[in-house]
C-alpha atoms as a PDB file:
ATOM      1  CA  MET A   1     -29.964  49.955 -65.172  1.00  0.00           C
ATOM      2  CA  GLN A   2     -29.883  48.052 -68.466  1.00  0.00           C
ATOM      3  CA  ALA A   3     -27.587  50.617 -70.099  1.00  0.00           C
ATOM      4  CA  VAL A   4     -25.268  50.512 -67.121  1.00  0.00           C
ATOM      5  CA  CYS A   5     -25.031  46.734 -67.385  1.00  0.00           C
ATOM      6  CA  ASN A   6     -24.183  46.847 -71.079  1.00  0.00           C
ATOM      7  CA  ASN A   7     -21.601  49.623 -70.965  1.00  0.00           C
ATOM      8  CA  TYR A   8     -19.695  48.785 -67.813  1.00  0.00           C
ATOM      9  CA  SER A   9     -17.790  45.810 -66.476  1.00  0.00           C
ATOM     10  CA  MET A  10     -19.334  44.553 -63.284  1.00  0.00           C
ATOM     11  CA  ILE A  11     -18.306  43.012 -59.991  1.00  0.00           C
ATOM     12  CA  HIS A  12     -20.917  41.329 -57.792  1.00  0.00           C
ATOM     13  CA  ILE A  13     -20.195  41.217 -54.054  1.00  0.00           C
ATOM     14  CA  VAL A  14     -21.942  38.750 -51.733  1.00  0.00           C
ATOM     15  CA  PHE A  15     -21.374  37.607 -48.146  1.00  0.00           C
ATOM     16  CA  ASN A  16     -22.048  33.833 -48.222  1.00  0.00           C
ATOM     17  CA  GLU A  17     -20.560  30.943 -50.158  1.00  0.00           C
ATOM     18  CA  GLU A  18     -23.993  29.725 -51.289  1.00  0.00           C
ATOM     19  CA  ASP A  19     -24.742  33.199 -52.682  1.00  0.00           C
ATOM     20  CA  VAL A  20     -21.719  32.993 -54.997  1.00  0.00           C
ATOM     21  CA  LYS A  21     -23.203  29.907 -56.653  1.00  0.00           C
ATOM     22  CA  LYS A  22     -26.642  31.495 -56.926  1.00  0.00           C
ATOM     23  CA  ILE A  23     -25.416  34.712 -58.572  1.00  0.00           C
ATOM     24  CA  LYS A  24     -23.324  32.682 -61.023  1.00  0.00           C
ATOM     25  CA  GLU A  25     -26.452  30.672 -61.900  1.00  0.00           C
ATOM     26  CA  ALA A  26     -28.367  33.911 -62.475  1.00  0.00           C
ATOM     27  CA  ILE A  27     -25.593  35.214 -64.751  1.00  0.00           C
ATOM     28  CA  THR A  28     -25.973  32.147 -66.991  1.00  0.00           C
ATOM     29  CA  LEU A  29     -29.627  33.176 -67.461  1.00  0.00           C
ATOM     30  CA  ASP A  30     -28.877  36.854 -68.181  1.00  0.00           C
ATOM     31  CA  ASP A  31     -25.586  37.953 -69.711  1.00  0.00           C
ATOM     32  CA  THR A  32     -26.279  41.623 -68.893  1.00  0.00           C
ATOM     33  CA  MET A  33     -25.311  40.617 -65.337  1.00  0.00           C
ATOM     34  CA  ALA A  34     -22.018  39.102 -66.482  1.00  0.00           C
ATOM     35  CA  GLY A  35     -19.098  39.822 -64.185  1.00  0.00           C
ATOM     36  CA  GLU A  36     -16.912  38.518 -61.405  1.00  0.00           C
ATOM     37  CA  VAL A  37     -18.557  37.296 -58.178  1.00  0.00           C
ATOM     38  CA  ILE A  38     -16.576  38.020 -55.007  1.00  0.00           C
ATOM     39  CA  GLN A  39     -17.374  36.939 -51.453  1.00  0.00           C
ATOM     40  CA  ILE A  40     -16.616  38.876 -48.267  1.00  0.00           C
ATOM     41  CA  LYS A  41     -16.014  35.918 -45.961  1.00  0.00           C
ATOM     42  CA  ASP A  42     -15.736  36.991 -42.321  1.00  0.00           C
ATOM     43  CA  ASP A  43     -18.866  37.082 -40.154  1.00  0.00           C
ATOM     44  CA  TYR A  44     -18.922  40.645 -38.820  1.00  0.00           C
ATOM     45  CA  ALA A  45     -22.139  39.933 -36.887  1.00  0.00           C
ATOM     46  CA  VAL A  46     -19.975  38.425 -34.128  1.00  0.00           C
ATOM     47  CA  GLY A  47     -16.664  39.235 -32.507  1.00  0.00           C
ATOM     48  CA  PRO A  48     -14.689  42.401 -31.676  1.00  0.00           C
ATOM     49  CA  LEU A  49     -14.870  45.418 -33.996  1.00  0.00           C
ATOM     50  CA  MET A  50     -12.753  47.959 -32.136  1.00  0.00           C
ATOM     51  CA  ASN A  51     -10.146  49.557 -34.471  1.00  0.00           C
ATOM     52  CA  ILE A  52     -11.192  47.104 -37.170  1.00  0.00           C
ATOM     53  CA  TYR A  53      -9.534  49.046 -40.003  1.00  0.00           C
ATOM     54  CA  ILE A  54      -6.060  49.332 -38.458  1.00  0.00           C
ATOM     55  CA  GLY A  55      -3.413  46.735 -37.642  1.00  0.00           C
ATOM     56  CA  GLU A  56      -4.090  46.539 -33.915  1.00  0.00           C
ATOM     57  CA  GLY A  57      -7.814  45.884 -34.336  1.00  0.00           C
ATOM     58  CA  ILE A  58      -7.340  43.528 -37.277  1.00  0.00           C
ATOM     59  CA  GLU A  59      -4.922  41.381 -35.256  1.00  0.00           C
ATOM     60  CA  ALA A  60      -7.173  41.468 -32.161  1.00  0.00           C
ATOM     61  CA  ARG A  61     -10.073  40.127 -34.233  1.00  0.00           C
ATOM     62  CA  LYS A  62      -7.870  37.413 -35.769  1.00  0.00           C
ATOM     63  CA  GLN A  63      -6.717  36.365 -32.314  1.00  0.00           C
ATOM     64  CA  TRP A  64     -10.321  36.216 -31.111  1.00  0.00           C
ATOM     65  CA  TRP A  65     -11.240  33.930 -34.019  1.00  0.00           C
ATOM     66  CA  ARG A  66      -8.205  31.730 -33.251  1.00  0.00           C
ATOM     67  CA  GLU A  67      -9.529  31.266 -29.721  1.00  0.00           C
ATOM     68  CA  VAL A  68     -13.109  30.617 -30.890  1.00  0.00           C
ATOM     69  CA  LEU A  69     -12.043  28.003 -33.448  1.00  0.00           C
ATOM     70  CA  ALA A  70      -9.319  26.365 -31.342  1.00  0.00           C
ATOM     71  CA  GLY A  71      -9.717  22.597 -30.953  1.00  0.00           C
ATOM     72  CA  GLY A  72     -12.917  22.517 -32.999  1.00  0.00           C
ATOM     73  CA  ASP A  73     -14.057  21.679 -36.520  1.00  0.00           C
ATOM     74  CA  TYR A  74     -12.464  24.831 -37.957  1.00  0.00           C
ATOM     75  CA  ASP A  75      -9.246  24.854 -35.903  1.00  0.00           C
ATOM     76  CA  GLY A  76      -6.402  26.672 -37.672  1.00  0.00           C
ATOM     77  CA  LYS A  77      -8.610  28.188 -40.367  1.00  0.00           C
ATOM     78  CA  VAL A  78      -7.645  31.747 -39.375  1.00  0.00           C
ATOM     79  CA  ASP A  79      -4.061  31.248 -40.523  1.00  0.00           C
ATOM     80  CA  THR A  80      -4.678  29.426 -43.820  1.00  0.00           C
ATOM     81  CA  GLY A  81      -5.219  32.704 -45.713  1.00  0.00           C
ATOM     82  CA  GLU A  82      -8.594  31.396 -46.871  1.00  0.00           C
ATOM     83  CA  VAL A  83     -10.373  34.321 -45.205  1.00  0.00           C
ATOM     84  CA  ASP A  84      -8.637  37.636 -45.906  1.00  0.00           C
ATOM     85  CA  ASP A  85     -11.244  40.322 -46.510  1.00  0.00           C
ATOM     86  CA  TYR A  86      -8.652  43.093 -46.233  1.00  0.00           C
ATOM     87  CA  LYS A  87      -6.760  41.628 -49.185  1.00  0.00           C
ATOM     88  CA  THR A  88     -10.054  41.270 -51.078  1.00  0.00           C
ATOM     89  CA  ALA A  89     -10.940  44.916 -50.337  1.00  0.00           C
ATOM     90  CA  ALA A  90      -7.488  46.114 -51.452  1.00  0.00           C
ATOM     91  CA  GLU A  91      -7.852  44.218 -54.729  1.00  0.00           C
ATOM     92  CA  LEU A  92     -11.328  45.690 -55.265  1.00  0.00           C
ATOM     93  CA  VAL A  93     -10.063  49.229 -54.658  1.00  0.00           C
ATOM     94  CA  GLY A  94      -7.075  48.685 -56.962  1.00  0.00           C
ATOM     95  CA  GLY A  95      -9.288  47.322 -59.726  1.00  0.00           C
ATOM     96  CA  MET A  96     -11.779  50.199 -59.437  1.00  0.00           C
ATOM     97  CA  ARG A  97      -8.971  52.759 -59.605  1.00  0.00           C
ATOM     98  CA  ARG A  98      -7.368  51.149 -62.650  1.00  0.00           C
ATOM     99  CA  ASN A  99     -10.611  50.685 -64.561  1.00  0.00           C
ATOM    100  CA  GLU A 100     -13.013  53.600 -64.384  1.00  0.00           C
ATOM    101  CA  GLU A 101     -15.578  51.595 -66.353  1.00  0.00           C
ATOM    102  CA  GLU A 102     -15.914  49.109 -63.495  1.00  0.00           C
ATOM    103  CA  ILE A 103     -18.999  49.144 -61.261  1.00  0.00           C
ATOM    104  CA  ILE A 104     -19.830  47.163 -58.124  1.00  0.00           C
ATOM    105  CA  TRP A 105     -23.141  45.589 -57.176  1.00  0.00           C
ATOM    106  CA  ILE A 106     -23.412  44.713 -53.474  1.00  0.00           C
ATOM    107  CA  TRP A 107     -26.084  42.055 -52.843  1.00  0.00           C
ATOM    108  CA  ALA A 108     -27.570  41.790 -49.342  1.00  0.00           C
ATOM    109  CA  ALA A 109     -30.598  40.044 -47.883  1.00  0.00           C
ATOM    110  CA  GLN A 110     -32.310  41.028 -44.657  1.00  0.00           C
ATOM    111  CA  ASN A 111     -30.063  39.290 -42.166  1.00  0.00           C
ATOM    112  CA  LYS A 112     -27.437  40.561 -39.743  1.00  0.00           C
ATOM    113  CA  HIS A 113     -24.586  38.759 -41.495  1.00  0.00           C
ATOM    114  CA  ASP A 114     -25.143  40.497 -44.857  1.00  0.00           C
ATOM    115  CA  VAL A 115     -25.899  43.887 -43.316  1.00  0.00           C
ATOM    116  CA  CYS A 116     -22.765  43.809 -41.135  1.00  0.00           C
ATOM    117  CA  GLY A 117     -20.719  42.809 -44.187  1.00  0.00           C
ATOM    118  CA  TYR A 118     -22.174  45.748 -46.115  1.00  0.00           C
ATOM    119  CA  TYR A 119     -21.260  48.179 -43.325  1.00  0.00           C
ATOM    120  CA  TRP A 120     -17.721  46.784 -43.073  1.00  0.00           C
ATOM    121  CA  LEU A 121     -17.169  47.070 -46.840  1.00  0.00           C
ATOM    122  CA  LEU A 122     -18.498  50.616 -47.162  1.00  0.00           C
ATOM    123  CA  GLN A 123     -15.290  52.042 -45.682  1.00  0.00           C
ATOM    124  CA  TYR A 124     -13.433  50.980 -48.842  1.00  0.00           C
ATOM    125  CA  MET A 125     -16.086  52.093 -51.345  1.00  0.00           C
ATOM    126  CA  LYS A 126     -16.372  55.807 -50.452  1.00  0.00           C
ATOM    127  CA  GLU A 127     -14.150  57.111 -53.242  1.00  0.00           C
ATOM    128  CA  PHE A 128     -16.236  55.301 -55.854  1.00  0.00           C
ATOM    129  CA  GLN A 129     -19.589  56.920 -55.074  1.00  0.00           C
ATOM    130  CA  GLY A 130     -21.685  56.775 -58.251  1.00  0.00           C
ATOM    131  CA  ARG A 131     -20.153  53.441 -59.281  1.00  0.00           C
ATOM    132  CA  VAL A 132     -21.250  51.340 -56.289  1.00  0.00           C
ATOM    133  CA  PHE A 133     -24.788  49.958 -56.249  1.00  0.00           C
ATOM    134  CA  ILE A 134     -26.779  48.191 -53.532  1.00  0.00           C
ATOM    135  CA  LEU A 135     -29.387  45.488 -54.041  1.00  0.00           C
ATOM    136  CA  TYR A 136     -30.895  45.161 -50.581  1.00  0.00           C
ATOM    137  CA  LEU A 137     -33.653  42.572 -50.739  1.00  0.00           C
ATOM    138  CA  ASN A 138     -35.407  43.507 -47.488  1.00  0.00           C
ATOM    139  CA  ASN A 139     -39.126  42.767 -47.055  1.00  0.00           C
ATOM    140  CA  LEU A 140     -39.467  41.913 -50.734  1.00  0.00           C
ATOM    141  CA  PRO A 141     -41.616  38.994 -51.909  1.00  0.00           C
ATOM    142  CA  PHE A 142     -40.205  36.347 -54.249  1.00  0.00           C
ATOM    143  CA  ILE A 143     -41.613  33.165 -55.749  1.00  0.00           C
ATOM    144  CA  ASN A 144     -40.037  29.904 -54.579  1.00  0.00           C
ATOM    145  CA  GLU A 145     -39.521  26.689 -56.566  1.00  0.00           C
ATOM    146  CA  LYS A 146     -43.070  25.554 -55.688  1.00  0.00           C
ATOM    147  CA  GLY A 147     -44.604  28.769 -57.023  1.00  0.00           C
ATOM    148  CA  ASN A 148     -45.429  30.180 -53.573  1.00  0.00           C
ATOM    149  CA  ILE A 149     -44.686  33.738 -52.455  1.00  0.00           C
ATOM    150  CA  PHE A 150     -42.114  34.006 -49.681  1.00  0.00           C
ATOM    151  CA  TYR A 151     -39.840  36.572 -48.043  1.00  0.00           C
ATOM    152  CA  PRO A 152     -36.226  35.357 -48.122  1.00  0.00           C
ATOM    153  CA  ASN A 153     -33.811  35.871 -45.244  1.00  0.00           C
ATOM    154  CA  TRP A 154     -30.863  34.756 -47.377  1.00  0.00           C
ATOM    155  CA  LEU A 155     -30.006  35.300 -51.056  1.00  0.00           C
ATOM    156  CA  SER A 156     -29.394  31.570 -51.474  1.00  0.00           C
ATOM    157  CA  GLU A 157     -33.105  30.908 -50.796  1.00  0.00           C
ATOM    158  CA  ILE A 158     -34.073  32.775 -53.986  1.00  0.00           C
ATOM    159  CA  PRO A 159     -34.340  30.716 -57.220  1.00  0.00           C
ATOM    160  CA  ALA A 160     -31.783  31.855 -59.820  1.00  0.00           C
ATOM    161  CA  LYS A 161     -34.475  33.000 -62.271  1.00  0.00           C
ATOM    162  CA  GLU A 162     -35.911  35.344 -59.633  1.00  0.00           C
ATOM    163  CA  PHE A 163     -32.621  37.291 -59.597  1.00  0.00           C
ATOM    164  CA  LEU A 164     -33.548  38.595 -63.036  1.00  0.00           C
ATOM    165  CA  LYS A 165     -36.377  40.443 -61.309  1.00  0.00           C
ATOM    166  CA  ALA A 166     -34.196  41.385 -58.351  1.00  0.00           C
ATOM    167  CA  LYS A 167     -31.577  43.097 -60.524  1.00  0.00           C
ATOM    168  CA  LYS A 168     -34.079  45.882 -61.269  1.00  0.00           C
ATOM    169  CA  LEU A 169     -33.690  46.939 -57.630  1.00  0.00           C
ATOM    170  CA  ALA A 170     -30.054  47.976 -58.125  1.00  0.00           C
ATOM    171  CA  ARG A 171     -29.571  51.596 -57.052  1.00  0.00           C
ATOM    172  CA  GLU A 172     -26.589  53.791 -56.376  1.00  0.00           C
ATOM    173  CA  ILE A 173     -25.449  54.045 -52.777  1.00  0.00           C
ATOM    174  CA  THR A 174     -26.120  57.719 -52.174  1.00  0.00           C
ATOM    175  CA  LEU A 175     -23.692  60.362 -50.963  1.00  0.00           C
ATOM    176  CA  SER A 176     -25.826  60.648 -47.833  1.00  0.00           C
ATOM    177  CA  GLU A 177     -25.510  56.892 -47.143  1.00  0.00           C
ATOM    178  CA  PHE A 178     -21.747  57.113 -47.592  1.00  0.00           C
ATOM    179  CA  GLU A 179     -21.744  59.757 -44.872  1.00  0.00           C
ATOM    180  CA  VAL A 180     -24.304  58.347 -42.424  1.00  0.00           C
ATOM    181  CA  ASP A 181     -23.774  54.560 -42.622  1.00  0.00           C
ATOM    182  CA  PRO A 182     -20.020  54.548 -41.790  1.00  0.00           C
ATOM    183  CA  ASP A 183     -20.782  56.773 -38.777  1.00  0.00           C
ATOM    184  CA  GLU A 184     -23.414  54.276 -37.571  1.00  0.00           C
ATOM    185  CA  TRP A 185     -20.951  51.429 -38.050  1.00  0.00           C
ATOM    186  CA  GLN A 186     -18.227  53.311 -36.195  1.00  0.00           C
ATOM    187  CA  LYS A 187     -20.549  53.749 -33.202  1.00  0.00           C
ATOM    188  CA  LEU A 188     -21.108  49.991 -33.130  1.00  0.00           C
ATOM    189  CA  CYS A 189     -17.372  49.343 -33.427  1.00  0.00           C
ATOM    190  CA  ASN A 190     -16.670  51.653 -30.488  1.00  0.00           C
ATOM    191  CA  GLU A 191     -19.264  49.937 -28.256  1.00  0.00           C
ATOM    192  CA  ASN A 192     -17.004  46.885 -28.394  1.00  0.00           C
ATOM    193  CA  LYS A 193     -19.724  44.264 -27.834  1.00  0.00           C
ATOM    194  CA  GLY A 194     -19.680  40.754 -29.269  1.00  0.00           C
ATOM    195  CA  VAL A 195     -23.009  40.064 -30.990  1.00  0.00           C
ATOM    196  CA  ARG A 196     -24.968  42.126 -33.512  1.00  0.00           C
ATOM    197  CA  LEU A 197     -28.661  41.668 -34.332  1.00  0.00           C
ATOM    198  CA  LEU A 198     -30.769  43.199 -37.100  1.00  0.00           C
ATOM    199  CA  GLU A 199     -33.821  45.105 -35.871  1.00  0.00           C
ATOM    200  CA  GLY A 200     -35.128  45.940 -39.342  1.00  0.00           C
ATOM    201  CA  GLY A 201     -33.970  47.870 -42.378  1.00  0.00           C
ATOM    202  CA  LYS A 202     -30.265  48.418 -41.792  1.00  0.00           C
ATOM    203  CA  LYS A 203     -30.603  49.055 -38.044  1.00  0.00           C
ATOM    204  CA  LEU A 204     -28.298  46.905 -35.927  1.00  0.00           C
ATOM    205  CA  VAL A 205     -28.294  46.515 -32.152  1.00  0.00           C
ATOM    206  CA  GLN A 206     -25.636  44.811 -30.040  1.00  0.00           C
ATOM    207  CA  GLU A 207     -25.533  42.279 -27.227  1.00  0.00           C
ATOM    208  CA  ASP A 208     -22.783  40.659 -25.168  1.00  0.00           C
ATOM    209  CA  TYR A 209     -20.863  37.540 -26.207  1.00  0.00           C
ATOM    210  CA  ASP A 210     -23.112  35.302 -24.068  1.00  0.00           C
ATOM    211  CA  PHE A 211     -26.310  36.411 -25.849  1.00  0.00           C
ATOM    212  CA  TYR A 212     -27.013  32.963 -27.341  1.00  0.00           C
ATOM    213  CA  ASP A 213     -26.219  31.001 -24.162  1.00  0.00           C
ATOM    214  CA  ALA A 214     -29.711  31.024 -22.620  1.00  0.00           C
ATOM    215  CA  GLU A 215     -31.303  29.609 -25.765  1.00  0.00           C
ATOM    216  CA  LEU A 216     -28.469  27.120 -26.219  1.00  0.00           C
ATOM    217  CA  LYS A 217     -29.028  25.766 -22.701  1.00  0.00           C
ATOM    218  CA  LYS A 218     -32.665  25.015 -23.581  1.00  0.00           C
ATOM    219  CA  MET A 219     -31.507  22.550 -26.250  1.00  0.00           C
ATOM    220  CA  LEU A 220     -29.915  20.255 -23.653  1.00  0.00           C
ATOM    221  CA  THR A 221     -31.932  17.455 -22.058  1.00  0.00           C
ATOM    222  CA  GLY A 222     -31.385  14.717 -19.480  1.00  0.00           C
ATOM    223  CA  ASP A 223     -30.251  12.392 -22.280  1.00  0.00           C
ATOM    224  CA  TRP A 224     -26.837  12.343 -23.911  1.00  0.00           C
ATOM    225  CA  GLN A 225     -26.746  14.241 -27.228  1.00  0.00           C
ATOM    226  CA  LYS A 226     -23.840  14.867 -29.540  1.00  0.00           C
ATOM    227  CA  ALA A 227     -22.802  18.535 -29.512  1.00  0.00           C
ATOM    228  CA  SER A 228     -23.535  18.621 -33.264  1.00  0.00           C
ATOM    229  CA  LYS A 229     -27.152  17.617 -32.585  1.00  0.00           C
ATOM    230  CA  VAL A 230     -27.566  20.286 -29.869  1.00  0.00           C
ATOM    231  CA  ILE A 231     -26.249  22.926 -32.272  1.00  0.00           C
ATOM    232  CA  GLN A 232     -28.480  21.665 -35.083  1.00  0.00           C
ATOM    233  CA  HIS A 233     -31.533  21.898 -32.812  1.00  0.00           C
ATOM    234  CA  PHE A 234     -30.564  25.444 -31.905  1.00  0.00           C
ATOM    235  CA  LEU A 235     -30.193  26.456 -35.569  1.00  0.00           C
ATOM    236  CA  SER A 236     -33.588  24.987 -36.471  1.00  0.00           C
ATOM    237  CA  LYS A 237     -35.548  26.332 -33.480  1.00  0.00           C
ATOM    238  CA  ALA A 238     -34.023  29.542 -32.139  1.00  0.00           C
ATOM    239  CA  LYS A 239     -35.357  32.920 -33.271  1.00  0.00           C
ATOM    240  CA  HIS A 240     -31.866  34.440 -33.424  1.00  0.00           C
ATOM    241  CA  THR A 241     -29.169  32.192 -34.863  1.00  0.00           C
ATOM    242  CA  THR A 242     -25.476  32.421 -35.611  1.00  0.00           C
ATOM    243  CA  GLY A 243     -22.752  30.243 -37.105  1.00  0.00           C
ATOM    244  CA  ASP A 244     -22.103  26.726 -35.801  1.00  0.00           C
ATOM    245  CA  ALA A 245     -18.481  27.603 -34.929  1.00  0.00           C
ATOM    246  CA  TYR A 246     -19.633  30.370 -32.600  1.00  0.00           C
ATOM    247  CA  LEU A 247     -22.215  28.083 -30.982  1.00  0.00           C
ATOM    248  CA  LEU A 248     -19.613  25.352 -30.456  1.00  0.00           C
ATOM    249  CA  TRP A 249     -17.401  27.915 -28.720  1.00  0.00           C
ATOM    250  CA  ARG A 250     -20.265  29.018 -26.469  1.00  0.00           C
ATOM    251  CA  LEU A 251     -21.134  25.397 -25.636  1.00  0.00           C
ATOM    252  CA  LYS A 252     -17.499  24.715 -24.708  1.00  0.00           C
ATOM    253  CA  THR A 253     -17.523  27.880 -22.580  1.00  0.00           C
ATOM    254  CA  LEU A 254     -20.566  26.587 -20.665  1.00  0.00           C
ATOM    255  CA  LEU A 255     -18.890  23.198 -20.231  1.00  0.00           C
ATOM    256  CA  ALA A 256     -15.761  24.875 -18.858  1.00  0.00           C
ATOM    257  CA  MET A 257     -18.023  26.426 -16.215  1.00  0.00           C
ATOM    258  CA  GLU A 258     -19.099  22.845 -15.325  1.00  0.00           C
ATOM    259  CA  MET A 259     -22.737  23.610 -16.040  1.00  0.00           C
ATOM    260  CA  PHE A 260     -23.408  20.295 -17.838  1.00  0.00           C
ATOM    261  CA  ASP A 261     -22.215  16.710 -17.949  1.00  0.00           C
ATOM    262  CA  VAL A 262     -19.955  15.796 -20.839  1.00  0.00           C
ATOM    263  CA  GLN A 263     -18.449  12.594 -22.242  1.00  0.00           C
ATOM    264  CA  GLY A 264     -15.939  12.115 -25.055  1.00  0.00           C
ATOM    265  CA  LYS A 265     -13.142  14.409 -26.215  1.00  0.00           C
ATOM    266  CA  VAL A 266     -14.294  18.032 -26.219  1.00  0.00           C
ATOM    267  CA  GLY A 267     -13.150  19.002 -29.710  1.00  0.00           C
ATOM    268  CA  ASN A 268     -15.065  18.673 -32.956  1.00  0.00           C
ATOM    269  CA  MET A 269     -18.816  18.880 -32.457  1.00  0.00           C
ATOM    270  CA  LYS A 270     -19.355  15.194 -33.340  1.00  0.00           C
ATOM    271  CA  ASP A 271     -16.683  14.027 -30.889  1.00  0.00           C
ATOM    272  CA  PHE A 272     -18.461  14.610 -27.588  1.00  0.00           C
ATOM    273  CA  GLU A 273     -21.867  14.371 -25.961  1.00  0.00           C
ATOM    274  CA  VAL A 274     -23.568  16.593 -23.397  1.00  0.00           C
ATOM    275  CA  LYS A 275     -26.574  16.478 -21.094  1.00  0.00           C
ATOM    276  CA  ILE A 276     -28.081  18.276 -18.133  1.00  0.00           C
ATOM    277  CA  LYS A 277     -26.213  17.514 -14.896  1.00  0.00           C
ATOM    278  CA  THR A 278     -27.669  14.709 -12.873  1.00  0.00           C
ATOM    279  CA  ALA A 279     -28.318  15.517  -9.228  1.00  0.00           C
END
């Protein structure tokens, strides 16, 4: 891979804001990795996927996010233009077509968010087979800041210097993967469920939108707790987690069903408190 790094211009693609910072740190330690770092921003592990590459499906997903974020901490974010992966993908494709020396490195850790992002992006990378590389850090040991071996779930958990070792894992996405993986993704899209989970490797399974509700309910007690605290408990204790915006939406959905007591304005997660209903 060293020759590839030296002779080509490079684009790094990641799926989390923290990962952008980490890759940029790694680049300062190794100029053979020098290149632009681009983030795919939507969370494709939740929400509708039907017809996701055409106008109808794109708008349906946007509308779903509007409803999820409405009246909460991220209200209105859908229409700010801050998250526009389709524009990002179009710019990537345009750049790759104009510059045949350009290569792409897709970085993914073993979590559903990264893997779903990879699957979504693959649709736009097909014509560049041979110039698109994957660095999938699944079940690989790294050394943390304390010198202990660990298996990261997220790229941002890996110290910047460890990326110099990780870069050796870069490999071309094969012709076979470009055929099989989009088919697998299309099957998931057609199932039209709301939650995706990673079983291992790149294998995803799907559940309904209420998948996290049962675990979320366990975080409520007979004492008043701010919604933000309930969500924080969930994120620190639950086996399967998701974004705080999705959890806030699910909590509001449960409240709308009058399953719990609530006080304060049901809006931002620090604005209201919840507890188990008193008899």
